[in-house]
Amino acid sequence: MSRSRVCRSDAPADLEERWRTIEGKILAAAHLLERGGALSQKDDRGGPVWRLRFRDRSPTGKLVERTIRIGKNPELVRRARELLERCHQRGAWRTEIAGLSRLSAVAVATVKRTIAREGRSAGHKRSRRKRPMGMVLKEPELL
């Protein structure tokens, strides 16, 4: 007489409960996953198991590798991969926004310099160049 075994992680209710746990751990480490982190597969006693690996700093400042166990279920792996990708995108957006902010600051400074130069050449501001000593300005001769 054979009994069919149902893996605990395959039952829908257990799958959702397990996902909520994994999702909470991933979201808690989201600030670290913006810069890195990857899913990797490791052989375990019962077959290959997926895990999420990332780096963190310990309170002493030492770099430590952390792991969130995802498991064998393909649905959990798919969800974890999607959530990790969103974390990576968020980090890329932050980097891009910072770069665009620096670019706009340079553009504003360039425009201000250009306006200041044009203003000086139009006589609105006094020129910083001094005349050589002994130079006398003559009035123009009229014909």
N, C-alpha and C. Protein backbone atom coordinates (compact mmCIF):
# COMPACT_ATOMS: atom_id res chain seq x y z
N MET A 1 0.84 -1.17 0.00
CA MET A 1 0.00 0.00 0.00
C MET A 1 0.89 1.23 0.00
N SER A 2 0.72 2.03 -1.03
CA SER A 2 1.56 3.22 -1.10
C SER A 2 0.77 4.46 -0.72
N ARG A 3 1.44 5.29 0.00
CA ARG A 3 0.81 6.55 0.39
C ARG A 3 1.44 7.66 -0.43
N SER A 4 0.61 8.57 -0.91
CA SER A 4 1.17 9.70 -1.63
C SER A 4 1.57 10.76 -0.61
N ARG A 5 2.79 11.19 -0.74
CA ARG A 5 3.29 12.21 0.18
C ARG A 5 3.16 13.57 -0.47
N VAL A 6 2.63 14.49 0.26
CA VAL A 6 2.53 15.86 -0.22
C VAL A 6 3.58 16.66 0.53
N CYS A 7 4.45 17.28 -0.24
CA CYS A 7 5.47 18.12 0.37
C CYS A 7 4.79 19.31 1.02
N ARG A 8 5.24 19.65 2.21
CA ARG A 8 4.62 20.73 2.96
C ARG A 8 4.62 22.04 2.17
N SER A 9 5.68 22.28 1.42
CA SER A 9 5.79 23.55 0.69
C SER A 9 4.93 23.57 -0.57
N ASP A 10 4.33 22.43 -0.96
CA ASP A 10 3.50 22.39 -2.17
C ASP A 10 2.03 22.70 -1.89
N ALA A 11 1.61 22.62 -0.65
CA ALA A 11 0.23 22.93 -0.32
C ALA A 11 0.03 24.44 -0.49
N PRO A 12 -1.07 24.89 -1.15
CA PRO A 12 -1.26 26.32 -1.44
C PRO A 12 -1.18 27.22 -0.20
N ALA A 13 -1.80 26.82 0.88
CA ALA A 13 -1.78 27.66 2.09
C ALA A 13 -0.36 27.76 2.64
N ASP A 14 0.34 26.62 2.65
CA ASP A 14 1.71 26.62 3.14
C ASP A 14 2.63 27.41 2.21
N LEU A 15 2.36 27.33 0.92
CA LEU A 15 3.16 28.07 -0.05
C LEU A 15 3.03 29.57 0.20
N GLU A 16 1.81 30.05 0.40
CA GLU A 16 1.60 31.48 0.65
C GLU A 16 2.22 31.91 1.98
N GLU A 17 2.11 31.07 2.98
CA GLU A 17 2.72 31.38 4.28
C GLU A 17 4.24 31.46 4.15
N ARG A 18 4.81 30.50 3.43
CA ARG A 18 6.26 30.49 3.22
C ARG A 18 6.69 31.72 2.41
N TRP A 19 5.88 32.09 1.39
CA TRP A 19 6.22 33.27 0.61
C TRP A 19 6.18 34.54 1.45
N ARG A 20 5.18 34.67 2.31
CA ARG A 20 5.11 35.86 3.18
C ARG A 20 6.35 35.97 4.04
N THR A 21 6.85 34.86 4.53
CA THR A 21 8.07 34.85 5.34
C THR A 21 9.28 35.27 4.51
N ILE A 22 9.42 34.68 3.33
CA ILE A 22 10.54 35.01 2.44
C ILE A 22 10.47 36.47 2.01
N GLU A 23 9.28 36.90 1.62
CA GLU A 23 9.09 38.28 1.16
C GLU A 23 9.45 39.28 2.26
N GLY A 24 9.06 38.98 3.48
CA GLY A 24 9.40 39.86 4.61
C GLY A 24 10.91 39.98 4.80
N LYS A 25 11.60 38.85 4.68
CA LYS A 25 13.06 38.86 4.81
C LYS A 25 13.72 39.64 3.68
N ILE A 26 13.21 39.46 2.47
CA ILE A 26 13.78 40.17 1.32
C ILE A 26 13.53 41.67 1.46
N LEU A 27 12.33 42.05 1.83
CA LEU A 27 12.02 43.48 1.99
C LEU A 27 12.82 44.11 3.13
N ALA A 28 13.10 43.34 4.18
CA ALA A 28 13.92 43.85 5.27
C ALA A 28 15.35 44.14 4.82
N ALA A 29 15.81 43.40 3.82
CA ALA A 29 17.17 43.58 3.30
C ALA A 29 17.17 44.34 1.97
N ALA A 30 16.06 44.96 1.61
CA ALA A 30 15.94 45.61 0.30
C ALA A 30 17.01 46.66 0.08
N HIS A 31 17.36 47.42 1.11
CA HIS A 31 18.38 48.46 0.95
C HIS A 31 19.74 47.86 0.59
N LEU A 32 20.01 46.65 1.02
CA LEU A 32 21.25 45.97 0.67
C LEU A 32 21.16 45.33 -0.72
N LEU A 33 19.96 44.89 -1.08
CA LEU A 33 19.77 44.22 -2.36
C LEU A 33 19.71 45.20 -3.53
N GLU A 34 19.61 46.50 -3.25
CA GLU A 34 19.64 47.50 -4.32
C GLU A 34 21.01 47.50 -5.00
N ARG A 35 22.05 47.21 -4.24
CA ARG A 35 23.41 47.24 -4.78
C ARG A 35 23.91 45.88 -5.22
N GLY A 36 23.26 44.82 -4.80
CA GLY A 36 23.74 43.49 -5.16
C GLY A 36 22.84 42.42 -4.62
N GLY A 37 23.27 41.20 -4.78
CA GLY A 37 22.48 40.06 -4.33
C GLY A 37 22.13 39.20 -5.52
N ALA A 38 22.14 37.90 -5.32
CA ALA A 38 21.86 36.99 -6.42
C ALA A 38 21.25 35.70 -5.90
N LEU A 39 20.43 35.09 -6.74
CA LEU A 39 19.89 33.78 -6.44
C LEU A 39 20.92 32.73 -6.85
N SER A 40 21.12 31.77 -5.99
CA SER A 40 22.05 30.69 -6.34
C SER A 40 21.43 29.36 -5.92
N GLN A 41 21.90 28.32 -6.56
CA GLN A 41 21.39 26.98 -6.30
C GLN A 41 22.47 26.19 -5.58
N LYS A 42 22.05 25.46 -4.55
CA LYS A 42 23.00 24.64 -3.80
C LYS A 42 22.39 23.24 -3.65
N ASP A 43 23.23 22.25 -3.82
CA ASP A 43 22.75 20.88 -3.63
C ASP A 43 22.61 20.59 -2.14
N ASP A 44 21.45 20.07 -1.80
CA ASP A 44 21.16 19.72 -0.41
C ASP A 44 20.86 18.22 -0.39
N ARG A 45 20.58 17.71 0.79
CA ARG A 45 20.29 16.27 0.91
C ARG A 45 19.15 15.84 0.00
N GLY A 46 18.11 16.65 -0.08
CA GLY A 46 16.93 16.27 -0.86
C GLY A 46 16.94 16.77 -2.29
N GLY A 47 18.04 17.33 -2.75
CA GLY A 47 18.12 17.87 -4.11
C GLY A 47 18.52 19.34 -4.07
N PRO A 48 18.50 19.99 -5.20
CA PRO A 48 18.93 21.38 -5.26
C PRO A 48 17.96 22.32 -4.53
N VAL A 49 18.54 23.29 -3.82
CA VAL A 49 17.77 24.27 -3.06
C VAL A 49 18.24 25.66 -3.49
N TRP A 50 17.29 26.56 -3.71
CA TRP A 50 17.61 27.93 -4.09
C TRP A 50 17.75 28.80 -2.85
N ARG A 51 18.66 29.77 -2.95
CA ARG A 51 18.87 30.71 -1.85
C ARG A 51 19.26 32.05 -2.43
N LEU A 52 19.01 33.08 -1.67
CA LEU A 52 19.36 34.44 -2.06
C LEU A 52 20.57 34.86 -1.24
N ARG A 53 21.66 35.20 -1.92
CA ARG A 53 22.90 35.57 -1.25
C ARG A 53 23.15 37.06 -1.43
N PHE A 54 23.60 37.74 -0.36
CA PHE A 54 23.93 39.15 -0.45
C PHE A 54 24.92 39.49 0.66
N ARG A 55 25.53 40.66 0.54
CA ARG A 55 26.53 41.08 1.52
C ARG A 55 25.99 42.18 2.40
N ASP A 56 26.47 42.16 3.64
CA ASP A 56 26.07 43.13 4.66
C ASP A 56 27.29 43.46 5.50
N ARG A 57 27.23 44.50 6.25
CA ARG A 57 28.31 44.84 7.17
C ARG A 57 27.88 44.50 8.59
N SER A 58 28.77 43.87 9.33
CA SER A 58 28.49 43.56 10.73
C SER A 58 28.64 44.84 11.54
N PRO A 59 28.21 44.84 12.79
CA PRO A 59 28.37 46.04 13.63
C PRO A 59 29.83 46.49 13.76
N THR A 60 30.77 45.58 13.58
CA THR A 60 32.18 45.94 13.66
C THR A 60 32.70 46.48 12.32
N GLY A 61 31.87 46.44 11.28
CA GLY A 61 32.26 46.95 9.97
C GLY A 61 32.78 45.89 9.03
N LYS A 62 32.86 44.67 9.49
CA LYS A 62 33.36 43.58 8.66
C LYS A 62 32.28 43.16 7.65
N LEU A 63 32.70 42.86 6.42
CA LEU A 63 31.78 42.42 5.38
C LEU A 63 31.37 40.97 5.64
N VAL A 64 30.05 40.73 5.68
CA VAL A 64 29.52 39.40 5.99
C VAL A 64 28.55 39.00 4.89
N GLU A 65 28.59 37.74 4.49
CA GLU A 65 27.65 37.26 3.48
C GLU A 65 26.43 36.68 4.18
N ARG A 66 25.26 37.11 3.75
CA ARG A 66 23.99 36.66 4.34
C ARG A 66 23.25 35.80 3.32
N THR A 67 22.35 34.96 3.83
CA THR A 67 21.59 34.05 2.98
C THR A 67 20.13 34.03 3.42
N ILE A 68 19.24 34.08 2.44
CA ILE A 68 17.82 33.85 2.67
C ILE A 68 17.47 32.59 1.89
N ARG A 69 17.02 31.57 2.59
CA ARG A 69 16.69 30.29 1.94
C ARG A 69 15.35 30.42 1.25
N ILE A 70 15.32 30.11 -0.03
CA ILE A 70 14.09 30.19 -0.82
C ILE A 70 13.42 28.82 -0.88
N GLY A 71 14.17 27.79 -1.13
CA GLY A 71 13.63 26.44 -1.17
C GLY A 71 13.66 25.86 -2.57
N LYS A 72 12.88 24.81 -2.76
CA LYS A 72 12.86 24.07 -4.03
C LYS A 72 11.69 24.44 -4.92
N ASN A 73 10.67 25.01 -4.35
CA ASN A 73 9.44 25.28 -5.11
C ASN A 73 9.69 26.31 -6.21
N PRO A 74 9.39 25.97 -7.46
CA PRO A 74 9.64 26.89 -8.59
C PRO A 74 8.87 28.20 -8.47
N GLU A 75 7.68 28.16 -7.88
CA GLU A 75 6.88 29.38 -7.73
C GLU A 75 7.55 30.34 -6.75
N LEU A 76 8.09 29.82 -5.67
CA LEU A 76 8.80 30.67 -4.71
C LEU A 76 10.06 31.27 -5.34
N VAL A 77 10.75 30.48 -6.14
CA VAL A 77 11.95 30.95 -6.83
C VAL A 77 11.58 32.07 -7.82
N ARG A 78 10.49 31.88 -8.56
CA ARG A 78 10.04 32.89 -9.52
C ARG A 78 9.70 34.20 -8.83
N ARG A 79 8.95 34.12 -7.74
CA ARG A 79 8.56 35.31 -6.99
C ARG A 79 9.79 36.02 -6.39
N ALA A 80 10.69 35.24 -5.85
CA ALA A 80 11.91 35.82 -5.26
C ALA A 80 12.74 36.51 -6.35
N ARG A 81 12.83 35.89 -7.51
CA ARG A 81 13.59 36.48 -8.63
C ARG A 81 12.97 37.82 -9.04
N GLU A 82 11.65 37.88 -9.13
CA GLU A 82 10.97 39.12 -9.51
C GLU A 82 11.19 40.21 -8.47
N LEU A 83 11.08 39.84 -7.20
CA LEU A 83 11.26 40.82 -6.14
C LEU A 83 12.71 41.32 -6.09
N LEU A 84 13.65 40.43 -6.29
CA LEU A 84 15.07 40.82 -6.34
C LEU A 84 15.32 41.77 -7.50
N GLU A 85 14.71 41.49 -8.65
CA GLU A 85 14.86 42.38 -9.82
C GLU A 85 14.31 43.77 -9.52
N ARG A 86 13.19 43.85 -8.82
CA ARG A 86 12.64 45.16 -8.44
C ARG A 86 13.59 45.90 -7.51
N CYS A 87 14.22 45.19 -6.59
CA CYS A 87 15.20 45.82 -5.70
C CYS A 87 16.38 46.35 -6.51
N HIS A 88 16.88 45.57 -7.45
CA HIS A 88 17.99 46.00 -8.30
C HIS A 88 17.60 47.24 -9.12
N GLN A 89 16.37 47.25 -9.65
CA GLN A 89 15.90 48.39 -10.44
C GLN A 89 15.85 49.65 -9.59
N ARG A 90 15.39 49.49 -8.37
CA ARG A 90 15.31 50.64 -7.46
C ARG A 90 16.70 51.23 -7.22
N GLY A 91 17.68 50.37 -7.04
CA GLY A 91 19.05 50.84 -6.88
C GLY A 91 19.57 51.54 -8.12
N ALA A 92 19.22 51.00 -9.29
CA ALA A 92 19.65 51.61 -10.55
C ALA A 92 18.99 52.97 -10.72
N TRP A 93 17.72 53.09 -10.33
CA TRP A 93 17.03 54.38 -10.42
C TRP A 93 17.70 55.41 -9.52
N ARG A 94 18.04 55.01 -8.31
CA ARG A 94 18.71 55.95 -7.39
C ARG A 94 20.03 56.44 -7.97
N THR A 95 20.79 55.53 -8.56
CA THR A 95 22.07 55.91 -9.17
C THR A 95 21.83 56.86 -10.35
N GLU A 96 20.83 56.55 -11.17
CA GLU A 96 20.54 57.39 -12.32
C GLU A 96 20.05 58.77 -11.89
N ILE A 97 19.21 58.82 -10.89
CA ILE A 97 18.70 60.11 -10.39
C ILE A 97 19.84 60.96 -9.85
N ALA A 98 20.75 60.35 -9.12
CA ALA A 98 21.90 61.09 -8.59
C ALA A 98 22.76 61.64 -9.74
N GLY A 99 22.97 60.84 -10.77
CA GLY A 99 23.75 61.29 -11.93
C GLY A 99 23.06 62.43 -12.67
N LEU A 100 21.74 62.32 -12.85
CA LEU A 100 20.99 63.38 -13.52
C LEU A 100 20.98 64.66 -12.69
N SER A 101 20.95 64.51 -11.38
CA SER A 101 21.00 65.68 -10.49
C SER A 101 22.33 66.41 -10.65
N ARG A 102 23.43 65.65 -10.70
CA ARG A 102 24.75 66.28 -10.91
C ARG A 102 24.81 66.95 -12.28
N LEU A 103 24.26 66.30 -13.29
CA LEU A 103 24.26 66.86 -14.64
C LEU A 103 23.48 68.17 -14.68
N SER A 104 22.33 68.22 -14.04
CA SER A 104 21.54 69.45 -14.04
C SER A 104 22.25 70.56 -13.29
N ALA A 105 22.98 70.24 -12.22
CA ALA A 105 23.74 71.26 -11.48
C ALA A 105 24.84 71.85 -12.36
N VAL A 106 25.50 71.01 -13.14
CA VAL A 106 26.54 71.48 -14.06
C VAL A 106 25.91 72.36 -15.14
N ALA A 107 24.76 71.96 -15.67
CA ALA A 107 24.08 72.73 -16.71
C ALA A 107 23.67 74.11 -16.17
N VAL A 108 23.13 74.16 -14.97
CA VAL A 108 22.73 75.43 -14.37
C VAL A 108 23.95 76.33 -14.18
N ALA A 109 25.04 75.78 -13.69
CA ALA A 109 26.25 76.58 -13.48
C ALA A 109 26.78 77.12 -14.81
N THR A 110 26.72 76.31 -15.86
CA THR A 110 27.18 76.75 -17.19
C THR A 110 26.31 77.88 -17.71
N VAL A 111 25.01 77.77 -17.57
CA VAL A 111 24.09 78.83 -18.01
C VAL A 111 24.36 80.11 -17.23
N LYS A 112 24.55 80.01 -15.93
CA LYS A 112 24.83 81.20 -15.12
C LYS A 112 26.12 81.88 -15.56
N ARG A 113 27.16 81.08 -15.82
CA ARG A 113 28.43 81.67 -16.29
C ARG A 113 28.25 82.36 -17.63
N THR A 114 27.50 81.74 -18.53
CA THR A 114 27.26 82.32 -19.85
C THR A 114 26.50 83.64 -19.73
N ILE A 115 25.48 83.67 -18.91
CA ILE A 115 24.70 84.90 -18.71
C ILE A 115 25.58 85.99 -18.12
N ALA A 116 26.41 85.63 -17.16
CA ALA A 116 27.28 86.62 -16.53
C ALA A 116 28.27 87.19 -17.54
N ARG A 117 28.84 86.36 -18.40
CA ARG A 117 29.78 86.84 -19.44
C ARG A 117 29.08 87.77 -20.42
N GLU A 118 27.89 87.38 -20.86
CA GLU A 118 27.16 88.21 -21.82
C GLU A 118 26.77 89.54 -21.18
N GLY A 119 26.43 89.51 -19.91
CA GLY A 119 26.08 90.74 -19.21
C GLY A 119 27.26 91.69 -19.12
N ARG A 120 28.45 91.17 -18.86
CA ARG A 120 29.66 92.01 -18.76
C ARG A 120 30.00 92.60 -20.11
N SER A 121 29.86 91.79 -21.17
CA SER A 121 30.23 92.30 -22.49
C SER A 121 29.22 93.34 -22.98
N ALA A 122 28.00 93.32 -22.49
CA ALA A 122 27.00 94.29 -22.89
C ALA A 122 27.08 95.56 -22.06
N GLY A 123 27.97 95.62 -21.09
CA GLY A 123 28.14 96.81 -20.27
C GLY A 123 27.28 96.83 -19.02
N HIS A 124 26.59 95.76 -18.74
CA HIS A 124 25.76 95.73 -17.55
C HIS A 124 26.58 95.62 -16.28
N LYS A 125 27.69 94.96 -16.39
CA LYS A 125 28.56 94.82 -15.23
C LYS A 125 29.91 95.38 -15.61
N ARG A 126 30.62 95.82 -14.64
CA ARG A 126 31.94 96.37 -14.88
C ARG A 126 32.92 95.27 -15.24
N SER A 127 33.74 95.52 -16.19
CA SER A 127 34.73 94.55 -16.61
C SER A 127 35.79 94.40 -15.54
N ARG A 128 36.31 93.23 -15.37
CA ARG A 128 37.36 93.00 -14.38
C ARG A 128 38.73 93.37 -14.93
N ARG A 129 38.84 93.50 -16.26
CA ARG A 129 40.13 93.85 -16.85
C ARG A 129 40.43 95.31 -16.59
N LYS A 130 41.63 95.56 -16.15
CA LYS A 130 42.04 96.94 -15.91
C LYS A 130 42.84 97.44 -17.08
N ARG A 131 42.79 98.77 -17.30
CA ARG A 131 43.58 99.37 -18.36
C ARG A 131 45.01 99.47 -17.89
N PRO A 132 45.92 99.35 -18.83
CA PRO A 132 47.33 99.53 -18.45
C PRO A 132 47.57 100.94 -17.93
N MET A 133 48.51 101.12 -16.98
CA MET A 133 48.79 102.44 -16.40
C MET A 133 49.32 103.36 -17.48
N GLY A 134 48.95 104.61 -17.37
CA GLY A 134 49.44 105.62 -18.29
C GLY A 134 48.63 105.72 -19.56
N MET A 135 47.67 104.85 -19.74
CA MET A 135 46.87 104.91 -20.96
C MET A 135 45.80 105.97 -20.79
N VAL A 136 45.75 106.90 -21.72
CA VAL A 136 44.78 107.98 -21.66
C VAL A 136 43.77 107.77 -22.77
N LEU A 137 42.53 107.88 -22.39
CA LEU A 137 41.49 107.75 -23.40
C LEU A 137 41.30 109.08 -24.11
N LYS A 138 41.27 109.05 -25.41
CA LYS A 138 41.07 110.26 -26.20
C LYS A 138 39.63 110.26 -26.68
N GLU A 139 39.14 111.45 -26.82
CA GLU A 139 37.80 111.58 -27.40
C GLU A 139 37.92 111.37 -28.89
N PRO A 140 36.91 110.76 -29.49
CA PRO A 140 36.97 110.53 -30.92
C PRO A 140 36.95 111.85 -31.69
N GLU A 141 37.68 111.88 -32.76
CA GLU A 141 37.71 113.08 -33.58
C GLU A 141 36.52 113.10 -34.50
N LEU A 142 35.96 114.25 -34.64
CA LEU A 142 34.82 114.40 -35.53
C LEU A 142 35.31 114.90 -36.87
N LEU A 143 34.78 114.41 -37.92
CA LEU A 143 35.18 114.86 -39.24
C LEU A 143 34.55 116.13 -39.63
